[in-house]
Protein backbone atom coordinates (compact mmCIF):
# COMPACT_ATOMS: atom_id res chain seq x y z
CA MET A 1 0.37 -5.73 8.18
CA ALA A 2 1.32 -9.40 8.57
CA VAL A 3 -1.41 -11.98 8.08
CA PRO A 4 -1.50 -14.52 10.93
CA ILE A 5 -1.24 -18.17 9.73
CA THR A 6 -4.58 -18.92 11.41
CA ALA A 7 -6.20 -16.29 9.12
CA LEU A 8 -5.01 -18.15 5.98
CA PRO A 9 -7.26 -20.58 4.21
CA GLU A 10 -6.65 -23.98 5.73
CA HIS A 11 -5.01 -25.31 2.51
CA ASP A 12 -2.41 -22.58 2.66
CA ARG A 13 -1.31 -23.22 6.21
CA PRO A 14 2.08 -25.01 6.51
CA ARG A 15 0.95 -27.67 8.91
CA GLU A 16 -2.13 -28.52 6.93
CA ARG A 17 -0.15 -28.57 3.72
CA LEU A 18 2.42 -30.94 5.19
CA LEU A 19 -0.35 -33.35 6.31
CA ALA A 20 -2.07 -33.22 3.01
CA ARG A 21 0.85 -33.22 0.60
CA GLY A 22 3.94 -34.35 2.59
CA ALA A 23 6.93 -32.40 3.89
CA GLY A 24 8.61 -32.46 0.45
CA ALA A 25 5.92 -30.25 -0.93
CA LEU A 26 6.75 -27.43 1.51
CA SER A 27 9.31 -24.64 0.95
CA ASP A 28 12.15 -24.02 3.39
CA GLN A 29 10.21 -21.05 4.72
CA GLU A 30 7.16 -23.13 5.43
CA LEU A 31 9.04 -25.88 7.16
CA LEU A 32 10.86 -23.32 9.34
CA ALA A 33 7.53 -21.80 10.19
CA ILE A 34 6.36 -25.13 11.49
CA VAL A 35 9.45 -25.39 13.75
CA LEU A 36 8.97 -21.79 14.96
CA ARG A 37 5.27 -22.60 15.69
CA SER A 38 4.27 -19.00 16.20
CA GLY A 39 5.20 -15.51 15.22
CA THR A 40 5.27 -12.20 17.05
CA ARG A 41 3.34 -8.97 17.02
CA GLY A 42 3.34 -7.76 13.39
CA ALA A 43 4.99 -10.90 11.93
CA SER A 44 3.67 -14.33 11.37
CA ALA A 45 5.75 -17.50 11.77
CA THR A 46 6.22 -17.59 7.93
CA ASP A 47 7.29 -13.94 7.97
CA MET A 48 9.79 -14.73 10.76
CA ALA A 49 11.04 -17.77 8.77
CA ALA A 50 11.61 -15.65 5.67
CA SER A 51 13.51 -13.07 7.69
CA LEU A 52 15.78 -15.62 9.23
CA LEU A 53 16.58 -17.14 5.81
CA ARG A 54 17.44 -13.64 4.55
CA ASP A 55 19.55 -12.82 7.51
CA HIS A 56 21.69 -15.94 7.16
CA GLY A 57 21.94 -16.21 3.44
CA GLY A 58 19.61 -19.24 3.18
CA LEU A 59 19.10 -22.58 4.90
CA ARG A 60 22.75 -23.59 4.89
CA GLY A 61 23.79 -20.48 6.69
CA LEU A 62 20.95 -20.74 9.13
CA ALA A 63 21.91 -24.26 9.99
CA THR A 64 25.33 -23.11 11.28
CA ALA A 65 24.01 -20.26 13.40
CA ARG A 66 24.57 -20.43 17.11
CA PRO A 67 21.63 -20.43 19.58
CA GLU A 68 22.50 -17.06 21.08
CA GLU A 69 22.85 -15.58 17.64
CA LEU A 70 19.35 -16.76 16.69
CA ALA A 71 17.81 -15.78 20.09
CA ALA A 72 19.05 -12.17 19.63
CA LYS A 73 16.67 -11.65 16.73
CA ALA A 74 13.47 -9.86 17.75
CA GLY A 75 10.60 -12.26 18.30
CA VAL A 76 12.72 -15.42 18.29
CA GLY A 77 14.05 -15.86 21.88
CA LEU A 78 15.70 -18.80 23.43
CA ALA A 79 12.76 -21.27 22.97
CA LYS A 80 12.57 -20.83 19.24
CA ALA A 81 16.27 -20.60 18.83
CA THR A 82 16.91 -23.95 20.63
CA ALA A 83 14.10 -25.63 18.64
CA LEU A 84 15.78 -24.54 15.41
CA VAL A 85 19.23 -25.71 16.48
CA ALA A 86 17.73 -29.00 17.68
CA ALA A 87 15.94 -29.55 14.33
CA PHE A 88 19.05 -28.94 12.33
CA GLU A 89 21.07 -31.28 14.60
CA LEU A 90 18.47 -34.03 14.13
CA GLY A 91 18.74 -33.66 10.40
CA ARG A 92 22.52 -33.81 10.68
CA ARG A 93 22.40 -36.96 12.64
CA ALA A 94 19.90 -38.57 10.36
CA ASP A 95 22.31 -37.90 7.48
CA GLN A 96 25.30 -39.47 9.21
CA PRO A 97 27.20 -42.18 7.34
CA ASP A 98 26.12 -45.78 7.66
CA GLU A 99 27.66 -47.65 10.56
CA GLY A 100 29.18 -50.03 8.03
CA ILE A 101 31.95 -47.51 7.16
CA VAL A 102 35.36 -48.71 8.34
CA ILE A 103 38.06 -46.13 9.26
CA ARG A 104 41.11 -47.58 7.64
CA SER A 105 43.10 -44.37 7.11
CA ALA A 106 43.23 -40.67 7.63
CA ASP A 107 41.50 -40.31 4.20
CA ASP A 108 38.44 -42.07 5.59
CA VAL A 109 38.34 -39.69 8.60
CA VAL A 110 38.51 -36.77 6.23
CA THR A 111 35.59 -38.15 4.04
CA VAL A 112 33.35 -38.37 7.04
CA ALA A 113 34.52 -35.17 8.72
CA ARG A 114 33.91 -33.03 5.65
CA ARG A 115 30.20 -33.75 5.95
CA GLU A 116 30.24 -32.35 9.45
CA LEU A 117 32.82 -29.56 9.28
CA ASP A 118 32.88 -28.07 5.80
CA ASP A 119 31.54 -24.48 5.60
CA GLN A 120 31.49 -24.06 9.37
CA ARG A 121 32.30 -20.61 10.52
CA ARG A 122 33.74 -21.68 13.87
CA GLU A 123 36.16 -24.37 14.85
CA ARG A 124 34.42 -27.62 15.81
CA VAL A 125 35.90 -30.87 17.25
CA LEU A 126 34.43 -33.99 15.84
CA VAL A 127 34.89 -37.47 17.38
CA LEU A 128 34.47 -40.53 15.24
CA VAL A 129 33.49 -43.34 17.58
CA CYS A 130 34.35 -46.84 16.26
CA ASP A 131 34.05 -50.38 17.41
CA SER A 132 36.95 -52.82 17.89
CA GLY A 133 37.09 -53.42 14.12
CA ASN A 134 37.28 -49.62 13.43
CA ARG A 135 33.67 -49.66 12.08
CA LEU A 136 32.11 -46.19 12.55
CA ARG A 137 29.39 -46.23 15.25
CA ARG A 138 28.70 -42.51 15.64
CA SER A 139 30.22 -39.09 14.93
CA VAL A 140 29.85 -36.57 17.75
CA ILE A 141 30.58 -32.89 18.00
CA VAL A 142 32.24 -32.27 21.44
CA SER A 143 33.41 -28.72 21.21
CA GLU A 144 32.69 -25.52 19.30
CA GLY A 145 34.97 -22.56 19.73
CA SER A 146 35.53 -19.10 18.29
CA VAL A 147 36.10 -18.20 14.64
CA ASP A 148 39.74 -18.98 14.91
CA ARG A 149 40.32 -21.30 17.90
CA SER A 150 38.82 -24.24 19.72
CA SER A 151 40.56 -26.37 22.28
CA VAL A 152 40.41 -30.17 22.05
CA PRO A 153 38.67 -31.25 25.27
CA VAL A 154 40.40 -34.56 26.06
CA ARG A 155 37.96 -35.58 28.76
CA GLU A 156 34.87 -34.82 26.60
CA VAL A 157 36.42 -36.82 23.71
CA LEU A 158 36.97 -39.90 25.90
CA ASN A 159 33.51 -39.53 27.50
CA ALA A 160 31.87 -39.41 24.00
CA VAL A 161 33.68 -42.57 23.06
CA LEU A 162 32.75 -44.45 26.22
CA ARG A 163 29.20 -43.19 26.22
CA HIS A 164 28.61 -44.65 22.76
CA ASP A 165 30.37 -47.96 23.56
CA GLY A 166 33.35 -47.21 21.39
CA ARG A 167 36.56 -49.13 21.41
CA SER A 168 38.58 -47.07 19.00
CA PHE A 169 38.19 -43.41 17.78
CA ALA A 170 39.60 -40.64 15.57
CA ILE A 171 39.12 -36.93 15.85
CA ALA A 172 38.98 -34.12 13.32
CA HIS A 173 38.59 -30.42 13.66
CA ASN A 174 38.48 -27.54 11.20
CA HIS A 175 40.42 -24.31 10.78
CA PRO A 176 37.83 -21.83 9.28
CA GLY A 177 40.64 -19.57 8.21
CA GLY A 178 41.66 -22.21 5.57
CA ASP A 179 45.11 -23.16 6.78
CA PRO A 180 45.08 -26.81 8.00
CA THR A 181 48.56 -26.54 9.62
CA PRO A 182 48.28 -27.97 13.15
CA SER A 183 48.97 -25.49 15.91
CA ARG A 184 51.19 -26.31 18.83
CA ALA A 185 47.98 -26.72 20.88
CA ASP A 186 46.70 -29.23 18.33
CA LEU A 187 49.89 -31.26 18.49
CA LEU A 188 49.84 -31.27 22.30
CA ALA A 189 46.18 -32.33 22.22
CA THR A 190 47.06 -35.24 19.96
CA GLU A 191 49.72 -36.45 22.37
CA SER A 192 47.38 -36.04 25.37
CA LEU A 193 44.64 -38.11 23.56
CA ARG A 194 47.22 -40.75 22.67
CA GLN A 195 48.25 -41.12 26.31
CA ALA A 196 44.71 -40.90 27.70
CA ALA A 197 43.40 -43.56 25.31
CA SER A 198 46.17 -45.89 26.40
CA VAL A 199 45.27 -45.46 30.01
CA THR A 200 41.59 -46.12 29.44
CA GLY A 201 42.06 -49.08 27.12
CA LEU A 202 40.86 -47.29 23.98
CA ARG A 203 42.64 -47.23 20.64
CA PHE A 204 43.35 -43.71 19.25
CA LEU A 205 43.55 -43.78 15.48
CA VAL A 206 44.33 -40.42 14.11
CA HIS A 207 43.73 -36.64 14.46
CA VAL A 208 43.22 -34.62 11.30
CA VAL A 209 42.85 -30.90 10.79
CA LEU A 210 40.79 -29.59 7.91
CA GLY A 211 41.33 -26.21 6.29
CA GLY A 212 39.57 -25.20 3.05
CA SER A 213 40.05 -28.06 0.57
CA ASP A 214 43.14 -29.39 2.23
CA TRP A 215 43.98 -31.26 5.48
CA ARG A 216 46.88 -32.25 7.70
CA LEU A 217 47.72 -34.80 10.33
CA SER A 218 48.20 -33.52 13.81
């Protein structure tokens, strides 16, 4: 029978341990339990955290899980699933590159994009929003598709740039299958972005496709 967290001695409860010793002293399981807040019948929050880590092969795998995938697990539901996804997204944003990075070439785009797209199981479209001097302001995921395909949403890309007061931008997306060769749809999206940027007064820098350890221009 699972032991509820409230039945544990106070010094063994994750929240109390965090307050007393700092977040760095807690295990992945304990930190997840704090985000989950509560367990379910027969399983405490720490039990549920341990089960999620096992199901997804550890923290890295769990961080890439989709909300509906997490919510399907017994006892998790949409509220806990969205809390987990939000927590991982906040961590990702906090770890974004400094705004002092300047996008001078496709290699610079790849360097930033790998931090966001490597090891992703589904295609994601990343926008690098820059100022007039091509200094990186923000990187934003604007689309996530299937395991083998994600369209590049031109309108959402431009909206992301304008919303973050960008003046220039680059985009990158991943091919989880490992082949970075741009598809016809990728090439058409590049041309559409170039035309749309010109109309809206933005400067489109480059579109790169990542696959495995390699990349290509689109």
